[in-house]
Structure formats: structure tokens, C-alpha cells
Amino acid sequence: MSGQEFEQAIAEIFKNMGYQVTMTPTTGDQGIDIIAVRNGIRIGIQAKCYTGKVGNSAVQEVVAGKQYYNLNRCMVVTNSTFTSAAVALAKANNVTLWDRHVLEEKLLSLSCEESD
């Protein structure tokens, strides 16, 4: 799966969770790939399709993007895991992290809701 395909997949998850979703430009996105809005809360999301661990730079980028896009919250979503430094930086900056385990749980939850 390419990076853009992964971004689209994450956008679909948020749509299925009831968010209005906007994709930012593929270049010059200021660290935010997706803006998800629900109940007036604007969340900036960076989607990282990685084979290795996601590091600090992803967290730093969404923190910068939060101000740029005037967001209430920001998060990094990956199909992989995060370095301990990225986890610490995210905690210090109130950035939500979804690693592959959280992503699997969200997908399972959504598929269970659809089958009800």
C-alpha cells in the first residue's frame, strides 16, 4: 500500500466514525494529511505507512500543523509502531498516537458495527 493509499484508508475510517473529512494537498501539507471534523472539533491527522518505527519528526510535524490549520487536536496514525522518544514527545504535546494495534482495534470495531 502506498502512502497515499494509506491516507485514503485512514480518511475512510474517520468517515465511517462520523467525521467530515478533508484531505490536505499531497505536497506542502504542513504535517497534516487529513482534517477530520465532528461536533465542531477539528482533528489533524498525519498518516504514516511505515515498515520501521515512526519517530519524533512525525510528532513534531503534527504539532506545527495544529497551529497552521487551527486545529483542536492532532494525531499520528501508523500501520507500524512508534519509538519511545516519539511516545514521550507526543505525551508532552498532547498528540494522540494510533499504532497498528489501535488501528486494528478501530477496524475490528467498525466491522462489528457494520455487521449488527
PDB file of N, CA and C in Angstrom:
ATOM      1  N   MET A   1       0.852  -1.177   0.000  1.00  0.00           N
ATOM      2  CA  MET A   1       0.000   0.000   0.000  1.00  0.00           C
ATOM      3  C   MET A   1       0.898   1.241   0.000  1.00  0.00           C
ATOM      4  N   SER A   2       0.587   2.158  -0.875  1.00  0.00           N
ATOM      5  CA  SER A   2       1.374   3.396  -0.941  1.00  0.00           C
ATOM      6  C   SER A   2       0.965   4.331   0.202  1.00  0.00           C
ATOM      7  N   GLY A   3       1.747   5.377   0.397  1.00  0.00           N
ATOM      8  CA  GLY A   3       1.426   6.369   1.411  1.00  0.00           C
ATOM      9  C   GLY A   3       0.078   7.024   1.158  1.00  0.00           C
ATOM     10  N   GLN A   4      -0.196   7.360  -0.109  1.00  0.00           N
ATOM     11  CA  GLN A   4      -1.471   7.994  -0.450  1.00  0.00           C
ATOM     12  C   GLN A   4      -2.648   7.043  -0.246  1.00  0.00           C
ATOM     13  N   GLU A   5      -2.444   5.773  -0.566  1.00  0.00           N
ATOM     14  CA  GLU A   5      -3.500   4.776  -0.344  1.00  0.00           C
ATOM     15  C   GLU A   5      -3.782   4.624   1.151  1.00  0.00           C
ATOM     16  N   PHE A   6      -2.716   4.670   1.950  1.00  0.00           N
ATOM     17  CA  PHE A   6      -2.877   4.570   3.398  1.00  0.00           C
ATOM     18  C   PHE A   6      -3.644   5.787   3.922  1.00  0.00           C
ATOM     19  N   GLU A   7      -3.308   6.973   3.438  1.00  0.00           N
ATOM     20  CA  GLU A   7      -4.031   8.185   3.830  1.00  0.00           C
ATOM     21  C   GLU A   7      -5.518   8.056   3.498  1.00  0.00           C
ATOM     22  N   GLN A   8      -5.817   7.565   2.311  1.00  0.00           N
ATOM     23  CA  GLN A   8      -7.216   7.374   1.910  1.00  0.00           C
ATOM     24  C   GLN A   8      -7.925   6.374   2.834  1.00  0.00           C
ATOM     25  N   ALA A   9      -7.231   5.311   3.195  1.00  0.00           N
ATOM     26  CA  ALA A   9      -7.813   4.295   4.083  1.00  0.00           C
ATOM     27  C   ALA A   9      -8.109   4.894   5.459  1.00  0.00           C
ATOM     28  N   ILE A  10      -7.198   5.710   5.975  1.00  0.00           N
ATOM     29  CA  ILE A  10      -7.416   6.352   7.271  1.00  0.00           C
ATOM     30  C   ILE A  10      -8.583   7.335   7.172  1.00  0.00           C
ATOM     31  N   ALA A  11      -8.653   8.075   6.080  1.00  0.00           N
ATOM     32  CA  ALA A  11      -9.763   9.009   5.868  1.00  0.00           C
ATOM     33  C   ALA A  11     -11.098   8.253   5.882  1.00  0.00           C
ATOM     34  N   GLU A  12     -11.139   7.083   5.267  1.00  0.00           N
ATOM     35  CA  GLU A  12     -12.357   6.272   5.241  1.00  0.00           C
ATOM     36  C   GLU A  12     -12.754   5.811   6.642  1.00  0.00           C
ATOM     37  N   ILE A  13     -11.769   5.461   7.454  1.00  0.00           N
ATOM     38  CA  ILE A  13     -12.062   5.047   8.831  1.00  0.00           C
ATOM     39  C   ILE A  13     -12.751   6.193   9.565  1.00  0.00           C
ATOM     40  N   PHE A  14     -12.207   7.398   9.412  1.00  0.00           N
ATOM     41  CA  PHE A  14     -12.804   8.541  10.100  1.00  0.00           C
ATOM     42  C   PHE A  14     -14.180   8.893   9.542  1.00  0.00           C
ATOM     43  N   LYS A  15     -14.370   8.738   8.251  1.00  0.00           N
ATOM     44  CA  LYS A  15     -15.708   8.948   7.672  1.00  0.00           C
ATOM     45  C   LYS A  15     -16.697   7.969   8.293  1.00  0.00           C
ATOM     46  N   ASN A  16     -16.286   6.720   8.419  1.00  0.00           N
ATOM     47  CA  ASN A  16     -17.146   5.693   8.999  1.00  0.00           C
ATOM     48  C   ASN A  16     -17.412   5.923  10.486  1.00  0.00           C
ATOM     49  N   MET A  17     -16.556   6.716  11.130  1.00  0.00           N
ATOM     50  CA  MET A  17     -16.748   7.073  12.533  1.00  0.00           C
ATOM     51  C   MET A  17     -17.592   8.352  12.665  1.00  0.00           C
ATOM     52  N   GLY A  18     -18.079   8.872  11.542  1.00  0.00           N
ATOM     53  CA  GLY A  18     -18.979  10.017  11.587  1.00  0.00           C
ATOM     54  C   GLY A  18     -18.324  11.379  11.428  1.00  0.00           C
ATOM     55  N   TYR A  19     -17.086  11.411  10.984  1.00  0.00           N
ATOM     56  CA  TYR A  19     -16.380  12.678  10.776  1.00  0.00           C
ATOM     57  C   TYR A  19     -16.555  13.161   9.341  1.00  0.00           C
ATOM     58  N   GLN A  20     -16.544  14.480   9.168  1.00  0.00           N
ATOM     59  CA  GLN A  20     -16.397  15.070   7.842  1.00  0.00           C
ATOM     60  C   GLN A  20     -14.897  15.151   7.601  1.00  0.00           C
ATOM     61  N   VAL A  21     -14.449  14.668   6.469  1.00  0.00           N
ATOM     62  CA  VAL A  21     -13.014  14.521   6.213  1.00  0.00           C
ATOM     63  C   VAL A  21     -12.593  15.349   5.013  1.00  0.00           C
ATOM     64  N   THR A  22     -11.462  16.039   5.178  1.00  0.00           N
ATOM     65  CA  THR A  22     -10.839  16.784   4.094  1.00  0.00           C
ATOM     66  C   THR A  22      -9.386  16.346   3.997  1.00  0.00           C
ATOM     67  N   MET A  23      -8.937  16.072   2.782  1.00  0.00           N
ATOM     68  CA  MET A  23      -7.531  15.736   2.551  1.00  0.00           C
ATOM     69  C   MET A  23      -6.774  17.036   2.264  1.00  0.00           C
ATOM     70  N   THR A  24      -5.582  17.164   2.816  1.00  0.00           N
ATOM     71  CA  THR A  24      -4.748  18.323   2.513  1.00  0.00           C
ATOM     72  C   THR A  24      -3.952  18.028   1.241  1.00  0.00           C
ATOM     73  N   PRO A  25      -3.303  19.036   0.647  1.00  0.00           N
ATOM     74  CA  PRO A  25      -2.509  18.775  -0.559  1.00  0.00           C
ATOM     75  C   PRO A  25      -1.406  17.744  -0.283  1.00  0.00           C
ATOM     76  N   THR A  26      -1.059  16.970  -1.301  1.00  0.00           N
ATOM     77  CA  THR A  26      -0.035  15.936  -1.105  1.00  0.00           C
ATOM     78  C   THR A  26       1.350  16.528  -0.870  1.00  0.00           C
ATOM     79  N   THR A  27       1.600  17.724  -1.359  1.00  0.00           N
ATOM     80  CA  THR A  27       2.863  18.398  -1.049  1.00  0.00           C
ATOM     81  C   THR A  27       2.547  19.703  -0.335  1.00  0.00           C
ATOM     82  N   GLY A  28       3.415  20.090   0.581  1.00  0.00           N
ATOM     83  CA  GLY A  28       3.213  21.318   1.329  1.00  0.00           C
ATOM     84  C   GLY A  28       2.054  21.221   2.303  1.00  0.00           C
ATOM     85  N   ASP A  29       1.839  20.024   2.888  1.00  0.00           N
ATOM     86  CA  ASP A  29       0.686  19.832   3.772  1.00  0.00           C
ATOM     87  C   ASP A  29       0.930  20.291   5.207  1.00  0.00           C
ATOM     88  N   GLN A  30       2.131  20.772   5.501  1.00  0.00           N
ATOM     89  CA  GLN A  30       2.483  21.273   6.836  1.00  0.00           C
ATOM     90  C   GLN A  30       2.311  20.219   7.928  1.00  0.00           C
ATOM     91  N   GLY A  31       2.516  18.958   7.574  1.00  0.00           N
ATOM     92  CA  GLY A  31       2.478  17.881   8.566  1.00  0.00           C
ATOM     93  C   GLY A  31       1.110  17.284   8.826  1.00  0.00           C
ATOM     94  N   ILE A  32       0.089  17.760   8.137  1.00  0.00           N
ATOM     95  CA  ILE A  32      -1.269  17.239   8.320  1.00  0.00           C
ATOM     96  C   ILE A  32      -1.743  16.669   6.984  1.00  0.00           C
ATOM     97  N   ASP A  33      -2.126  15.401   6.995  1.00  0.00           N
ATOM     98  CA  ASP A  33      -2.622  14.752   5.780  1.00  0.00           C
ATOM     99  C   ASP A  33      -4.143  14.834   5.668  1.00  0.00           C
ATOM    100  N   ILE A  34      -4.804  14.768   6.822  1.00  0.00           N
ATOM    101  CA  ILE A  34      -6.262  14.680   6.870  1.00  0.00           C
ATOM    102  C   ILE A  34      -6.774  15.606   7.964  1.00  0.00           C
ATOM    103  N   ILE A  35      -7.856  16.305   7.676  1.00  0.00           N
ATOM    104  CA  ILE A  35      -8.546  17.066   8.717  1.00  0.00           C
ATOM    105  C   ILE A  35      -9.920  16.428   8.883  1.00  0.00           C
ATOM    106  N   ALA A  36     -10.186  15.965  10.104  1.00  0.00           N
ATOM    107  CA  ALA A  36     -11.456  15.312  10.426  1.00  0.00           C
ATOM    108  C   ALA A  36     -12.222  16.205  11.396  1.00  0.00           C
ATOM    109  N   VAL A  37     -13.486  16.472  11.081  1.00  0.00           N
ATOM    110  CA  VAL A  37     -14.297  17.387  11.892  1.00  0.00           C
ATOM    111  C   VAL A  37     -15.586  16.694  12.308  1.00  0.00           C
ATOM    112  N   ARG A  38     -15.884  16.799  13.599  1.00  0.00           N
ATOM    113  CA  ARG A  38     -17.156  16.292  14.131  1.00  0.00           C
ATOM    114  C   ARG A  38     -17.506  17.104  15.374  1.00  0.00           C
ATOM    115  N   ASN A  39     -18.755  17.552  15.446  1.00  0.00           N
ATOM    116  CA  ASN A  39     -19.231  18.340  16.586  1.00  0.00           C
ATOM    117  C   ASN A  39     -18.356  19.566  16.847  1.00  0.00           C
ATOM    118  N   GLY A  40     -17.871  20.179  15.779  1.00  0.00           N
ATOM    119  CA  GLY A  40     -17.075  21.391  15.902  1.00  0.00           C
ATOM    120  C   GLY A  40     -15.621  21.170  16.303  1.00  0.00           C
ATOM    121  N   ILE A  41     -15.231  19.939  16.556  1.00  0.00           N
ATOM    122  CA  ILE A  41     -13.847  19.613  16.930  1.00  0.00           C
ATOM    123  C   ILE A  41     -13.072  19.246  15.677  1.00  0.00           C
ATOM    124  N   ARG A  42     -11.974  19.971  15.457  1.00  0.00           N
ATOM    125  CA  ARG A  42     -11.130  19.761  14.269  1.00  0.00           C
ATOM    126  C   ARG A  42      -9.872  18.985  14.665  1.00  0.00           C
ATOM    127  N   ILE A  43      -9.702  17.815  14.053  1.00  0.00           N
ATOM    128  CA  ILE A  43      -8.554  16.950  14.346  1.00  0.00           C
ATOM    129  C   ILE A  43      -7.669  16.861  13.114  1.00  0.00           C
ATOM    130  N   GLY A  44      -6.396  17.132  13.291  1.00  0.00           N
ATOM    131  CA  GLY A  44      -5.412  16.975  12.226  1.00  0.00           C
ATOM    132  C   GLY A  44      -4.726  15.632  12.365  1.00  0.00           C
ATOM    133  N   ILE A  45      -4.634  14.919  11.256  1.00  0.00           N
ATOM    134  CA  ILE A  45      -4.093  13.556  11.277  1.00  0.00           C
ATOM    135  C   ILE A  45      -2.942  13.446  10.288  1.00  0.00           C
ATOM    136  N   GLN A  46      -1.849  12.878  10.755  1.00  0.00           N
ATOM    137  CA  GLN A  46      -0.773  12.504   9.851  1.00  0.00           C
ATOM    138  C   GLN A  46      -0.779  10.980   9.772  1.00  0.00           C
ATOM    139  N   ALA A  47      -0.832  10.458   8.558  1.00  0.00           N
ATOM    140  CA  ALA A  47      -0.860   9.011   8.329  1.00  0.00           C
ATOM    141  C   ALA A  47       0.521   8.567   7.854  1.00  0.00           C
ATOM    142  N   LYS A  48       1.107   7.609   8.573  1.00  0.00           N
ATOM    143  CA  LYS A  48       2.447   7.117   8.247  1.00  0.00           C
ATOM    144  C   LYS A  48       2.393   5.631   7.939  1.00  0.00           C
ATOM    145  N   CYS A  49       2.576   5.298   6.677  1.00  0.00           N
ATOM    146  CA  CYS A  49       2.640   3.902   6.247  1.00  0.00           C
ATOM    147  C   CYS A  49       4.118   3.509   6.245  1.00  0.00           C
ATOM    148  N   TYR A  50       4.557   2.864   7.320  1.00  0.00           N
ATOM    149  CA  TYR A  50       5.979   2.590   7.535  1.00  0.00           C
ATOM    150  C   TYR A  50       6.235   1.100   7.719  1.00  0.00           C
ATOM    151  N   THR A  51       7.469   0.705   7.459  1.00  0.00           N
ATOM    152  CA  THR A  51       7.900  -0.637   7.818  1.00  0.00           C
ATOM    153  C   THR A  51       8.684  -0.601   9.127  1.00  0.00           C
ATOM    154  N   GLY A  52       9.349   0.509   9.413  1.00  0.00           N
ATOM    155  CA  GLY A  52      10.076   0.690  10.675  1.00  0.00           C
ATOM    156  C   GLY A  52       9.258   1.507  11.654  1.00  0.00           C
ATOM    157  N   LYS A  53       9.875   1.832  12.777  1.00  0.00           N
ATOM    158  CA  LYS A  53       9.193   2.624  13.792  1.00  0.00           C
ATOM    159  C   LYS A  53       9.098   4.086  13.372  1.00  0.00           C
ATOM    160  N   VAL A  54       7.988   4.723  13.737  1.00  0.00           N
ATOM    161  CA  VAL A  54       7.772   6.138  13.455  1.00  0.00           C
ATOM    162  C   VAL A  54       8.423   6.940  14.582  1.00  0.00           C
ATOM    163  N   GLY A  55       9.218   7.931  14.206  1.00  0.00           N
ATOM    164  CA  GLY A  55       9.975   8.698  15.186  1.00  0.00           C
ATOM    165  C   GLY A  55       9.415  10.078  15.475  1.00  0.00           C
ATOM    166  N   ASN A  56      10.238  10.876  16.148  1.00  0.00           N
ATOM    167  CA  ASN A  56       9.881  12.217  16.602  1.00  0.00           C
ATOM    168  C   ASN A  56       9.388  13.144  15.503  1.00  0.00           C
ATOM    169  N   SER A  57       9.952  13.046  14.324  1.00  0.00           N
ATOM    170  CA  SER A  57       9.626  14.022  13.282  1.00  0.00           C
ATOM    171  C   SER A  57       8.137  14.039  12.963  1.00  0.00           C
ATOM    172  N   ALA A  58       7.483  12.894  12.989  1.00  0.00           N
ATOM    173  CA  ALA A  58       6.046  12.853  12.713  1.00  0.00           C
ATOM    174  C   ALA A  58       5.274  13.633  13.774  1.00  0.00           C
ATOM    175  N   VAL A  59       5.681  13.499  15.020  1.00  0.00           N
ATOM    176  CA  VAL A  59       5.026  14.227  16.113  1.00  0.00           C
ATOM    177  C   VAL A  59       5.291  15.722  15.975  1.00  0.00           C
ATOM    178  N   GLN A  60       6.527  16.082  15.695  1.00  0.00           N
ATOM    179  CA  GLN A  60       6.878  17.496  15.521  1.00  0.00           C
ATOM    180  C   GLN A  60       6.070  18.128  14.395  1.00  0.00           C
ATOM    181  N   GLU A  61       5.895  17.396  13.315  1.00  0.00           N
ATOM    182  CA  GLU A  61       5.171  17.921  12.159  1.00  0.00           C
ATOM    183  C   GLU A  61       3.697  18.172  12.473  1.00  0.00           C
ATOM    184  N   VAL A  62       3.038  17.255  13.200  1.00  0.00           N
ATOM    185  CA  VAL A  62       1.623  17.493  13.507  1.00  0.00           C
ATOM    186  C   VAL A  62       1.448  18.610  14.517  1.00  0.00           C
ATOM    187  N   VAL A  63       2.413  18.773  15.405  1.00  0.00           N
ATOM    188  CA  VAL A  63       2.339  19.895  16.351  1.00  0.00           C
ATOM    189  C   VAL A  63       2.393  21.212  15.577  1.00  0.00           C
ATOM    190  N   ALA A  64       3.274  21.308  14.595  1.00  0.00           N
ATOM    191  CA  ALA A  64       3.347  22.512  13.758  1.00  0.00           C
ATOM    192  C   ALA A  64       2.077  22.669  12.931  1.00  0.00           C
ATOM    193  N   GLY A  65       1.576  21.590  12.375  1.00  0.00           N
ATOM    194  CA  GLY A  65       0.368  21.627  11.565  1.00  0.00           C
ATOM    195  C   GLY A  65      -0.865  22.014  12.356  1.00  0.00           C
ATOM    196  N   LYS A  66      -0.884  21.698  13.641  1.00  0.00           N
ATOM    197  CA  LYS A  66      -2.018  22.034  14.502  1.00  0.00           C
ATOM    198  C   LYS A  66      -2.252  23.540  14.503  1.00  0.00           C
ATOM    199  N   GLN A  67      -1.201  24.297  14.655  1.00  0.00           N
ATOM    200  CA  GLN A  67      -1.316  25.759  14.646  1.00  0.00           C
ATOM    201  C   GLN A  67      -1.661  26.265  13.249  1.00  0.00           C
ATOM    202  N   TYR A  68      -0.997  25.709  12.256  1.00  0.00           N
ATOM    203  CA  TYR A  68      -1.172  26.166  10.876  1.00  0.00           C
ATOM    204  C   TYR A  68      -2.628  26.037  10.424  1.00  0.00           C
ATOM    205  N   TYR A  69      -3.266  24.911  10.752  1.00  0.00           N
ATOM    206  CA  TYR A  69      -4.638  24.651  10.319  1.00  0.00           C
ATOM    207  C   TYR A  69      -5.689  25.011  11.384  1.00  0.00           C
ATOM    208  N   ASN A  70      -5.244  25.606  12.500  1.00  0.00           N
ATOM    209  CA  ASN A  70      -6.151  25.995  13.581  1.00  0.00           C
ATOM    210  C   ASN A  70      -6.987  24.807  14.055  1.00  0.00           C
ATOM    211  N   LEU A  71      -6.300  23.761  14.489  1.00  0.00           N
ATOM    212  CA  LEU A  71      -6.937  22.509  14.901  1.00  0.00           C
ATOM    213  C   LEU A  71      -7.089  22.448  16.411  1.00  0.00           C
ATOM    214  N   ASN A  72      -8.058  21.671  16.869  1.00  0.00           N
ATOM    215  CA  ASN A  72      -8.246  21.455  18.303  1.00  0.00           C
ATOM    216  C   ASN A  72      -7.353  20.339  18.827  1.00  0.00           C
ATOM    217  N   ARG A  73      -7.153  19.336  17.993  1.00  0.00           N
ATOM    218  CA  ARG A  73      -6.360  18.167  18.382  1.00  0.00           C
ATOM    219  C   ARG A  73      -5.543  17.702  17.186  1.00  0.00           C
ATOM    220  N   CYS A  74      -4.542  16.889  17.489  1.00  0.00           N
ATOM    221  CA  CYS A  74      -3.788  16.297  16.386  1.00  0.00           C
ATOM    222  C   CYS A  74      -3.353  14.890  16.767  1.00  0.00           C
ATOM    223  N   MET A  75      -3.095  14.109  15.730  1.00  0.00           N
ATOM    224  CA  MET A  75      -2.716  12.714  15.956  1.00  0.00           C
ATOM    225  C   MET A  75      -1.868  12.183  14.809  1.00  0.00           C
ATOM    226  N   VAL A  76      -1.130  11.120  15.118  1.00  0.00           N
ATOM    227  CA  VAL A  76      -0.362  10.397  14.106  1.00  0.00           C
ATOM    228  C   VAL A  76      -0.881   8.961  14.111  1.00  0.00           C
ATOM    229  N   VAL A  77      -1.186   8.460  12.921  1.00  0.00           N
ATOM    230  CA  VAL A  77      -1.695   7.097  12.761  1.00  0.00           C
ATOM    231  C   VAL A  77      -0.713   6.337  11.884  1.00  0.00           C
ATOM    232  N   THR A  78      -0.338   5.134  12.324  1.00  0.00           N
ATOM    233  CA  THR A  78       0.591   4.327  11.542  1.00  0.00           C
ATOM    234  C   THR A  78       0.167   2.863  11.511  1.00  0.00           C
ATOM    235  N   ASN A  79       0.643   2.184  10.497  1.00  0.00           N
ATOM    236  CA  ASN A  79       0.474   0.741  10.403  1.00  0.00           C
ATOM    237  C   ASN A  79       1.604   0.026  11.141  1.00  0.00           C
ATOM    238  N   SER A  80       2.500   0.796  11.722  1.00  0.00           N
ATOM    239  CA  SER A  80       3.681   0.274  12.401  1.00  0.00           C
ATOM    240  C   SER A  80       3.595   0.603  13.898  1.00  0.00           C
ATOM    241  N   THR A  81       4.725   0.955  14.493  1.00  0.00           N
ATOM    242  CA  THR A  81       4.793   1.334  15.903  1.00  0.00           C
ATOM    243  C   THR A  81       5.586   2.631  16.022  1.00  0.00           C
ATOM    244  N   PHE A  82       5.670   3.159  17.233  1.00  0.00           N
ATOM    245  CA  PHE A  82       6.379   4.409  17.490  1.00  0.00           C
ATOM    246  C   PHE A  82       7.607   4.175  18.349  1.00  0.00           C
ATOM    247  N   THR A  83       8.623   5.007  18.150  1.00  0.00           N
ATOM    248  CA  THR A  83       9.787   4.956  19.026  1.00  0.00           C
ATOM    249  C   THR A  83       9.377   5.469  20.405  1.00  0.00           C
ATOM    250  N   SER A  84      10.140   5.101  21.428  1.00  0.00           N
ATOM    251  CA  SER A  84       9.826   5.585  22.775  1.00  0.00           C
ATOM    252  C   SER A  84       9.966   7.099  22.848  1.00  0.00           C
ATOM    253  N   ALA A  85      10.902   7.664  22.096  1.00  0.00           N
ATOM    254  CA  ALA A  85      11.066   9.120  22.063  1.00  0.00           C
ATOM    255  C   ALA A  85       9.833   9.790  21.457  1.00  0.00           C
ATOM    256  N   ALA A  86       9.267   9.208  20.406  1.00  0.00           N
ATOM    257  CA  ALA A  86       8.053   9.756  19.794  1.00  0.00           C
ATOM    258  C   ALA A  86       6.884   9.690  20.767  1.00  0.00           C
ATOM    259  N   VAL A  87       6.784   8.606  21.512  1.00  0.00           N
ATOM    260  CA  VAL A  87       5.711   8.459  22.503  1.00  0.00           C
ATOM    261  C   VAL A  87       5.845   9.533  23.585  1.00  0.00           C
ATOM    262  N   ALA A  88       7.060   9.755  24.056  1.00  0.00           N
ATOM    263  CA  ALA A  88       7.291  10.772  25.089  1.00  0.00           C
ATOM    264  C   ALA A  88       6.979  12.170  24.566  1.00  0.00           C
ATOM    265  N   LEU A  89       7.410  12.469  23.346  1.00  0.00           N
ATOM    266  CA  LEU A  89       7.155  13.781  22.759  1.00  0.00           C
ATOM    267  C   LEU A  89       5.661  13.987  22.529  1.00  0.00           C
ATOM    268  N   ALA A  90       4.976  12.953  22.083  1.00  0.00           N
ATOM    269  CA  ALA A  90       3.530  13.045  21.860  1.00  0.00           C
ATOM    270  C   ALA A  90       2.812  13.325  23.179  1.00  0.00           C
ATOM    271  N   LYS A  91       3.214  12.646  24.217  1.00  0.00           N
ATOM    272  CA  LYS A  91       2.596  12.857  25.529  1.00  0.00           C
ATOM    273  C   LYS A  91       2.798  14.294  25.991  1.00  0.00           C
ATOM    274  N   ALA A  92       3.994  14.823  25.818  1.00  0.00           N
ATOM    275  CA  ALA A  92       4.307  16.189  26.244  1.00  0.00           C
ATOM    276  C   ALA A  92       3.539  17.236  25.447  1.00  0.00           C
ATOM    277  N   ASN A  93       3.127  16.889  24.214  1.00  0.00           N
ATOM    278  CA  ASN A  93       2.444  17.841  23.334  1.00  0.00           C
ATOM    279  C   ASN A  93       0.971  17.503  23.100  1.00  0.00           C
ATOM    280  N   ASN A  94       0.441  16.565  23.886  1.00  0.00           N
ATOM    281  CA  ASN A  94      -0.966  16.174  23.777  1.00  0.00           C
ATOM    282  C   ASN A  94      -1.328  15.702  22.364  1.00  0.00           C
ATOM    283  N   VAL A  95      -0.458  14.900  21.782  1.00  0.00           N
ATOM    284  CA  VAL A  95      -0.685  14.311  20.460  1.00  0.00           C
ATOM    285  C   VAL A  95      -1.125  12.859  20.655  1.00  0.00           C
ATOM    286  N   THR A  96      -2.226  12.501  20.036  1.00  0.00           N
ATOM    287  CA  THR A  96      -2.728  11.131  20.105  1.00  0.00           C
ATOM    288  C   THR A  96      -1.971  10.270  19.098  1.00  0.00           C
ATOM    289  N   LEU A  97      -1.566   9.080  19.525  1.00  0.00           N
ATOM    290  CA  LEU A  97      -0.871   8.143  18.635  1.00  0.00           C
ATOM    291  C   LEU A  97      -1.713   6.877  18.476  1.00  0.00           C
ATOM    292  N   TRP A  98      -1.929   6.503  17.218  1.00  0.00           N
ATOM    293  CA  TRP A  98      -2.534   5.208  16.916  1.00  0.00           C
ATOM    294  C   TRP A  98      -1.483   4.372  16.214  1.00  0.00           C
ATOM    295  N   ASP A  99      -1.042   3.299  16.876  1.00  0.00           N
ATOM    296  CA  ASP A  99      -0.132   2.369  16.212  1.00  0.00           C
ATOM    297  C   ASP A  99      -0.956   1.264  15.559  1.00  0.00           C
ATOM    298  N   ARG A 100      -0.279   0.251  15.036  1.00  0.00           N
ATOM    299  CA  ARG A 100      -1.003  -0.786  14.295  1.00  0.00           C
ATOM    300  C   ARG A 100      -2.016  -1.522  15.165  1.00  0.00           C
ATOM    301  N   HIS A 101      -1.744  -1.625  16.478  1.00  0.00           N
ATOM    302  CA  HIS A 101      -2.679  -2.328  17.362  1.00  0.00           C
ATOM    303  C   HIS A 101      -3.973  -1.531  17.547  1.00  0.00           C
ATOM    304  N   VAL A 102      -3.856  -0.227  17.752  1.00  0.00           N
ATOM    305  CA  VAL A 102      -5.046   0.624  17.878  1.00  0.00           C
ATOM    306  C   VAL A 102      -5.805   0.637  16.553  1.00  0.00           C
ATOM    307  N   LEU A 103      -5.064   0.720  15.455  1.00  0.00           N
ATOM    308  CA  LEU A 103      -5.687   0.729  14.134  1.00  0.00           C
ATOM    309  C   LEU A 103      -6.475  -0.563  13.893  1.00  0.00           C
ATOM    310  N   GLU A 104      -5.896  -1.704  14.268  1.00  0.00           N
ATOM    311  CA  GLU A 104      -6.597  -2.981  14.139  1.00  0.00           C
ATOM    312  C   GLU A 104      -7.876  -2.991  14.973  1.00  0.00           C
ATOM    313  N   GLU A 105      -7.808  -2.448  16.197  1.00  0.00           N
ATOM    314  CA  GLU A 105      -8.985  -2.392  17.068  1.00  0.00           C
ATOM    315  C   GLU A 105     -10.081  -1.530  16.441  1.00  0.00           C
ATOM    316  N   LYS A 106      -9.709  -0.381  15.869  1.00  0.00           N
ATOM    317  CA  LYS A 106     -10.688   0.506  15.236  1.00  0.00           C
ATOM    318  C   LYS A 106     -11.344  -0.191  14.048  1.00  0.00           C
ATOM    319  N   LEU A 107     -10.541  -0.860  13.241  1.00  0.00           N
ATOM    320  CA  LEU A 107     -11.080  -1.565  12.082  1.00  0.00           C
ATOM    321  C   LEU A 107     -12.024  -2.685  12.509  1.00  0.00           C
ATOM    322  N   LEU A 108     -11.644  -3.416  13.536  1.00  0.00           N
ATOM    323  CA  LEU A 108     -12.485  -4.500  14.046  1.00  0.00           C
ATOM    324  C   LEU A 108     -13.784  -3.938  14.603  1.00  0.00           C
ATOM    325  N   SER A 109     -13.691  -2.850  15.342  1.00  0.00           N
ATOM    326  CA  SER A 109     -14.873  -2.209  15.909  1.00  0.00           C
ATOM    327  C   SER A 109     -15.829  -1.749  14.812  1.00  0.00           C
ATOM    328  N   LEU A 110     -15.288  -1.140  13.776  1.00  0.00           N
ATOM    329  CA  LEU A 110     -16.117  -0.672  12.670  1.00  0.00           C
ATOM    330  C   LEU A 110     -16.759  -1.823  11.913  1.00  0.00           C
ATOM    331  N   SER A 111     -16.011  -2.917  11.728  1.00  0.00           N
ATOM    332  CA  SER A 111     -16.577  -4.062  11.002  1.00  0.00           C
ATOM    333  C   SER A 111     -17.666  -4.747  11.829  1.00  0.00           C
ATOM    334  N   CYS A 112     -17.536  -4.704  13.159  1.00  0.00           N
ATOM    335  CA  CYS A 112     -18.570  -5.272  14.031  1.00  0.00           C
ATOM    336  C   CYS A 112     -19.835  -4.428  13.979  1.00  0.00           C
ATOM    337  N   GLU A 113     -19.675  -3.098  13.937  1.00  0.00           N
ATOM    338  CA  GLU A 113     -20.824  -2.191  13.854  1.00  0.00           C
ATOM    339  C   GLU A 113     -21.577  -2.397  12.537  1.00  0.00           C
ATOM    340  N   GLU A 114     -20.843  -2.628  11.466  1.00  0.00           N
ATOM    341  CA  GLU A 114     -21.470  -2.807  10.153  1.00  0.00           C
ATOM    342  C   GLU A 114     -22.253  -4.106  10.083  1.00  0.00           C
ATOM    343  N   SER A 115     -21.824  -5.141  10.826  1.00  0.00           N
ATOM    344  CA  SER A 115     -22.496  -6.428  10.750  1.00  0.00           C
ATOM    345  C   SER A 115     -23.697  -6.512  11.689  1.00  0.00           C
ATOM    346  N   ASP A 116     -23.861  -5.520  12.577  1.00  0.00           N
ATOM    347  CA  ASP A 116     -25.014  -5.512  13.502  1.00  0.00           C
ATOM    348  C   ASP A 116     -26.301  -5.219  12.794  1.00  0.00           C
TER     349      ASP A 116
END
